[in-house]
């Protein structure tokens, strides 16, 4: 991921190899769609602070907050995106 502090990122690529959601009963495709929409919105609005000084590769984000069970697919996707963006904003632990 790369972000020029004076401009919008030319490209942001997020790859999630596997996401396991124990305790949730939500349609994975709807969760994924809501996640992508919300993460795109957050990156456009706030950028990727960890990449402010140039390209960044992150292998894993950890230390992110737990999410409450019982969320709708849309809400779950949005909350996941917010948690990931928080990690990319310097909150949580990052493995490079």
N, C-alpha and C. Protein backbone atom coordinates (compact mmCIF):
# COMPACT_ATOMS: atom_id res chain seq x y z
N UNK A 1 0.84 -1.16 0.00
CA UNK A 1 0.00 0.00 0.00
C UNK A 1 0.88 1.22 0.00
N UNK A 2 0.52 2.19 -0.76
CA UNK A 2 1.29 3.42 -0.77
C UNK A 2 0.38 4.62 -0.74
N UNK A 3 0.74 5.61 0.05
CA UNK A 3 -0.03 6.83 0.11
C UNK A 3 0.93 8.00 0.11
N UNK A 4 0.73 8.93 -0.80
CA UNK A 4 1.48 10.17 -0.81
C UNK A 4 0.72 11.12 0.09
N UNK A 5 1.39 11.71 1.07
CA UNK A 5 0.70 12.52 2.05
C UNK A 5 0.03 13.75 1.44
N UNK A 6 0.45 14.16 0.24
CA UNK A 6 -0.14 15.33 -0.40
C UNK A 6 -1.24 14.97 -1.38
N UNK A 7 -1.43 13.70 -1.65
CA UNK A 7 -2.42 13.31 -2.65
C UNK A 7 -3.10 12.01 -2.24
N UNK A 8 -4.15 11.67 -2.95
CA UNK A 8 -4.82 10.41 -2.73
C UNK A 8 -3.91 9.28 -3.20
N UNK A 9 -4.07 8.09 -2.62
CA UNK A 9 -3.24 6.97 -3.07
C UNK A 9 -3.55 6.62 -4.51
N UNK A 10 -2.49 6.26 -5.25
CA UNK A 10 -2.71 5.84 -6.62
C UNK A 10 -3.25 4.42 -6.66
N UNK A 11 -2.91 3.65 -5.64
CA UNK A 11 -3.42 2.28 -5.56
C UNK A 11 -3.32 1.79 -4.12
N UNK A 12 -4.35 1.13 -3.68
CA UNK A 12 -4.36 0.49 -2.38
C UNK A 12 -4.82 -0.93 -2.63
N UNK A 13 -4.04 -1.87 -2.16
CA UNK A 13 -4.39 -3.28 -2.37
C UNK A 13 -4.44 -3.96 -1.01
N UNK A 14 -5.56 -4.56 -0.71
CA UNK A 14 -5.73 -5.30 0.53
C UNK A 14 -6.06 -6.73 0.16
N UNK A 15 -5.26 -7.65 0.63
CA UNK A 15 -5.51 -9.07 0.41
C UNK A 15 -5.77 -9.72 1.75
N UNK A 16 -6.86 -10.44 1.84
CA UNK A 16 -7.17 -11.19 3.05
C UNK A 16 -7.22 -12.65 2.65
N UNK A 17 -6.22 -13.40 3.09
CA UNK A 17 -6.13 -14.81 2.72
C UNK A 17 -7.28 -15.62 3.26
N UNK A 18 -7.60 -15.44 4.52
CA UNK A 18 -8.69 -16.19 5.13
C UNK A 18 -9.25 -15.37 6.27
N UNK A 19 -10.54 -15.35 6.35
CA UNK A 19 -11.22 -14.68 7.43
C UNK A 19 -12.21 -15.66 8.03
N UNK A 20 -12.03 -15.99 9.29
CA UNK A 20 -12.90 -16.95 9.96
C UNK A 20 -13.77 -16.17 10.94
N UNK A 21 -15.08 -16.32 10.78
CA UNK A 21 -16.02 -15.61 11.63
C UNK A 21 -16.79 -16.62 12.48
N UNK A 22 -16.25 -16.97 13.62
CA UNK A 22 -16.92 -17.90 14.53
C UNK A 22 -18.04 -17.17 15.26
N UNK A 23 -19.19 -17.80 15.32
CA UNK A 23 -20.31 -17.25 16.07
C UNK A 23 -21.19 -16.30 15.28
N UNK A 24 -20.93 -16.13 14.00
CA UNK A 24 -21.74 -15.24 13.16
C UNK A 24 -22.53 -16.06 12.16
N UNK A 25 -23.75 -15.65 11.92
CA UNK A 25 -24.60 -16.29 10.93
C UNK A 25 -24.94 -15.27 9.87
N UNK A 26 -23.98 -14.97 9.03
CA UNK A 26 -24.16 -13.96 8.00
C UNK A 26 -23.68 -14.50 6.67
N UNK A 27 -24.31 -14.05 5.61
CA UNK A 27 -23.94 -14.44 4.25
C UNK A 27 -22.54 -13.90 3.94
N UNK A 28 -21.56 -14.77 3.71
CA UNK A 28 -20.18 -14.31 3.48
C UNK A 28 -20.05 -13.36 2.29
N UNK A 29 -20.83 -13.55 1.24
CA UNK A 29 -20.75 -12.66 0.08
C UNK A 29 -21.23 -11.26 0.43
N UNK A 30 -22.28 -11.17 1.22
CA UNK A 30 -22.78 -9.85 1.64
C UNK A 30 -21.82 -9.19 2.62
N UNK A 31 -21.20 -9.98 3.49
CA UNK A 31 -20.20 -9.44 4.41
C UNK A 31 -19.04 -8.88 3.60
N UNK A 32 -18.58 -9.64 2.62
CA UNK A 32 -17.45 -9.22 1.78
C UNK A 32 -17.77 -7.93 1.01
N UNK A 33 -18.96 -7.86 0.44
CA UNK A 33 -19.35 -6.67 -0.31
C UNK A 33 -19.41 -5.43 0.59
N UNK A 34 -19.99 -5.59 1.77
CA UNK A 34 -20.07 -4.46 2.70
C UNK A 34 -18.68 -4.07 3.20
N UNK A 35 -17.83 -5.05 3.43
CA UNK A 35 -16.45 -4.79 3.85
C UNK A 35 -15.72 -3.97 2.80
N UNK A 36 -15.79 -4.41 1.55
CA UNK A 36 -15.09 -3.71 0.47
C UNK A 36 -15.59 -2.29 0.31
N UNK A 37 -16.90 -2.10 0.34
CA UNK A 37 -17.48 -0.77 0.19
C UNK A 37 -17.03 0.15 1.31
N UNK A 38 -17.10 -0.32 2.54
CA UNK A 38 -16.73 0.51 3.69
C UNK A 38 -15.24 0.78 3.73
N UNK A 39 -14.41 -0.20 3.46
CA UNK A 39 -12.96 0.03 3.48
C UNK A 39 -12.56 1.02 2.39
N UNK A 40 -13.17 0.91 1.23
CA UNK A 40 -12.90 1.87 0.14
C UNK A 40 -13.28 3.28 0.59
N UNK A 41 -14.43 3.41 1.21
CA UNK A 41 -14.87 4.73 1.69
C UNK A 41 -13.89 5.30 2.72
N UNK A 42 -13.47 4.47 3.66
CA UNK A 42 -12.56 4.92 4.71
C UNK A 42 -11.20 5.31 4.15
N UNK A 43 -10.68 4.54 3.21
CA UNK A 43 -9.38 4.87 2.61
C UNK A 43 -9.48 6.17 1.81
N UNK A 44 -10.57 6.36 1.08
CA UNK A 44 -10.74 7.61 0.33
C UNK A 44 -10.85 8.80 1.27
N UNK A 45 -11.54 8.62 2.37
CA UNK A 45 -11.77 9.71 3.32
C UNK A 45 -10.55 10.01 4.18
N UNK A 46 -9.88 8.94 4.67
CA UNK A 46 -8.80 9.12 5.65
C UNK A 46 -7.42 8.66 5.18
N UNK A 47 -7.35 8.01 4.02
CA UNK A 47 -6.07 7.49 3.55
C UNK A 47 -5.64 6.27 4.36
N UNK A 48 -4.36 5.95 4.25
CA UNK A 48 -3.76 4.84 4.99
C UNK A 48 -2.58 5.43 5.76
N UNK A 49 -2.83 5.91 6.99
CA UNK A 49 -1.78 6.61 7.73
C UNK A 49 -0.46 5.87 7.87
N UNK A 50 -0.46 4.55 8.02
CA UNK A 50 0.80 3.82 8.16
C UNK A 50 1.65 3.91 6.90
N UNK A 51 1.04 4.20 5.76
CA UNK A 51 1.76 4.27 4.50
C UNK A 51 2.02 5.71 4.07
N UNK A 52 1.89 6.66 4.98
CA UNK A 52 2.04 8.07 4.64
C UNK A 52 3.43 8.41 4.09
N UNK A 53 4.43 7.62 4.47
CA UNK A 53 5.79 7.90 4.02
C UNK A 53 6.22 7.05 2.82
N UNK A 54 5.29 6.37 2.21
CA UNK A 54 5.60 5.55 1.04
C UNK A 54 4.93 4.20 1.11
N UNK A 55 5.22 3.36 0.14
CA UNK A 55 4.59 2.03 0.07
C UNK A 55 4.81 1.23 1.34
N UNK A 56 3.84 0.40 1.64
CA UNK A 56 3.89 -0.41 2.85
C UNK A 56 3.28 -1.77 2.56
N UNK A 57 3.95 -2.80 3.03
CA UNK A 57 3.40 -4.15 2.96
C UNK A 57 3.17 -4.62 4.39
N UNK A 58 1.98 -5.05 4.68
CA UNK A 58 1.61 -5.52 6.01
C UNK A 58 1.19 -6.97 5.88
N UNK A 59 1.81 -7.85 6.64
CA UNK A 59 1.47 -9.26 6.59
C UNK A 59 0.25 -9.58 7.45
N UNK A 60 0.13 -8.91 8.58
CA UNK A 60 -0.97 -9.24 9.48
C UNK A 60 -1.29 -8.06 10.37
N UNK A 61 -2.54 -7.95 10.70
CA UNK A 61 -2.99 -7.00 11.70
C UNK A 61 -3.55 -7.81 12.85
N UNK A 62 -3.14 -7.48 14.06
CA UNK A 62 -3.67 -8.18 15.21
C UNK A 62 -3.98 -7.15 16.30
N UNK A 63 -4.55 -7.60 17.37
CA UNK A 63 -4.89 -6.69 18.45
C UNK A 63 -6.10 -5.84 18.10
N UNK A 64 -6.89 -6.28 17.12
CA UNK A 64 -8.08 -5.54 16.75
C UNK A 64 -9.22 -5.92 17.68
N UNK A 65 -10.17 -5.02 17.87
CA UNK A 65 -11.24 -5.29 18.83
C UNK A 65 -12.17 -6.41 18.38
N UNK A 66 -12.74 -7.15 19.34
CA UNK A 66 -13.72 -8.18 18.99
C UNK A 66 -15.01 -7.52 18.52
N UNK A 67 -15.76 -8.22 17.71
CA UNK A 67 -17.03 -7.71 17.20
C UNK A 67 -18.18 -8.47 17.86
N UNK A 68 -19.28 -7.78 18.14
CA UNK A 68 -20.41 -8.47 18.77
C UNK A 68 -21.09 -9.43 17.80
N UNK A 69 -21.50 -10.58 18.31
CA UNK A 69 -22.25 -11.53 17.50
C UNK A 69 -23.64 -10.97 17.25
N UNK A 70 -24.30 -11.47 16.22
CA UNK A 70 -25.67 -11.05 15.93
C UNK A 70 -25.78 -9.89 14.98
N UNK A 71 -24.67 -9.42 14.44
CA UNK A 71 -24.73 -8.32 13.48
C UNK A 71 -25.25 -8.81 12.14
N UNK A 72 -25.91 -7.93 11.39
CA UNK A 72 -26.32 -8.27 10.02
C UNK A 72 -25.06 -8.37 9.16
N UNK A 73 -25.19 -8.97 7.99
CA UNK A 73 -24.05 -9.12 7.08
C UNK A 73 -23.48 -7.74 6.72
N UNK A 74 -24.35 -6.78 6.44
CA UNK A 74 -23.89 -5.43 6.07
C UNK A 74 -23.14 -4.79 7.22
N UNK A 75 -23.72 -4.84 8.40
CA UNK A 75 -23.10 -4.23 9.57
C UNK A 75 -21.80 -4.93 9.95
N UNK A 76 -21.76 -6.25 9.83
CA UNK A 76 -20.55 -7.01 10.13
C UNK A 76 -19.43 -6.60 9.17
N UNK A 77 -19.75 -6.51 7.88
CA UNK A 77 -18.75 -6.08 6.90
C UNK A 77 -18.23 -4.68 7.19
N UNK A 78 -19.13 -3.78 7.56
CA UNK A 78 -18.72 -2.41 7.89
C UNK A 78 -17.82 -2.39 9.11
N UNK A 79 -18.19 -3.12 10.14
CA UNK A 79 -17.39 -3.14 11.37
C UNK A 79 -16.02 -3.79 11.14
N UNK A 80 -15.97 -4.83 10.33
CA UNK A 80 -14.69 -5.44 9.97
C UNK A 80 -13.80 -4.45 9.25
N UNK A 81 -14.38 -3.71 8.30
CA UNK A 81 -13.62 -2.71 7.55
C UNK A 81 -13.09 -1.62 8.48
N UNK A 82 -13.91 -1.20 9.42
CA UNK A 82 -13.47 -0.17 10.37
C UNK A 82 -12.33 -0.68 11.24
N UNK A 83 -12.43 -1.94 11.66
CA UNK A 83 -11.36 -2.53 12.47
C UNK A 83 -10.07 -2.64 11.68
N UNK A 84 -10.16 -3.06 10.42
CA UNK A 84 -8.97 -3.16 9.57
C UNK A 84 -8.39 -1.77 9.32
N UNK A 85 -9.23 -0.80 9.04
CA UNK A 85 -8.72 0.56 8.80
C UNK A 85 -8.07 1.12 10.05
N UNK A 86 -8.62 0.83 11.21
CA UNK A 86 -7.99 1.25 12.47
C UNK A 86 -6.58 0.66 12.56
N UNK A 87 -6.44 -0.61 12.20
CA UNK A 87 -5.12 -1.25 12.20
C UNK A 87 -4.18 -0.57 11.23
N UNK A 88 -4.69 -0.19 10.05
CA UNK A 88 -3.88 0.49 9.05
C UNK A 88 -3.62 1.95 9.43
N UNK A 89 -4.29 2.41 10.45
CA UNK A 89 -4.10 3.77 10.94
C UNK A 89 -3.12 3.83 12.11
N UNK A 90 -2.54 2.65 12.44
CA UNK A 90 -1.54 2.61 13.49
C UNK A 90 -2.04 2.07 14.81
N UNK A 91 -3.30 1.64 14.86
CA UNK A 91 -3.86 1.06 16.08
C UNK A 91 -3.82 -0.44 15.92
N UNK A 92 -3.50 -1.16 16.95
CA UNK A 92 -3.33 -2.61 16.84
C UNK A 92 -1.88 -2.93 16.52
N UNK A 93 -1.56 -4.21 16.42
CA UNK A 93 -0.20 -4.63 16.14
C UNK A 93 -0.08 -5.01 14.66
N UNK A 94 1.04 -4.59 14.05
CA UNK A 94 1.25 -4.84 12.63
C UNK A 94 2.48 -5.69 12.45
N UNK A 95 2.37 -6.74 11.63
CA UNK A 95 3.52 -7.56 11.25
C UNK A 95 3.88 -7.20 9.83
N UNK A 96 5.14 -6.88 9.59
CA UNK A 96 5.58 -6.48 8.26
C UNK A 96 6.47 -7.52 7.65
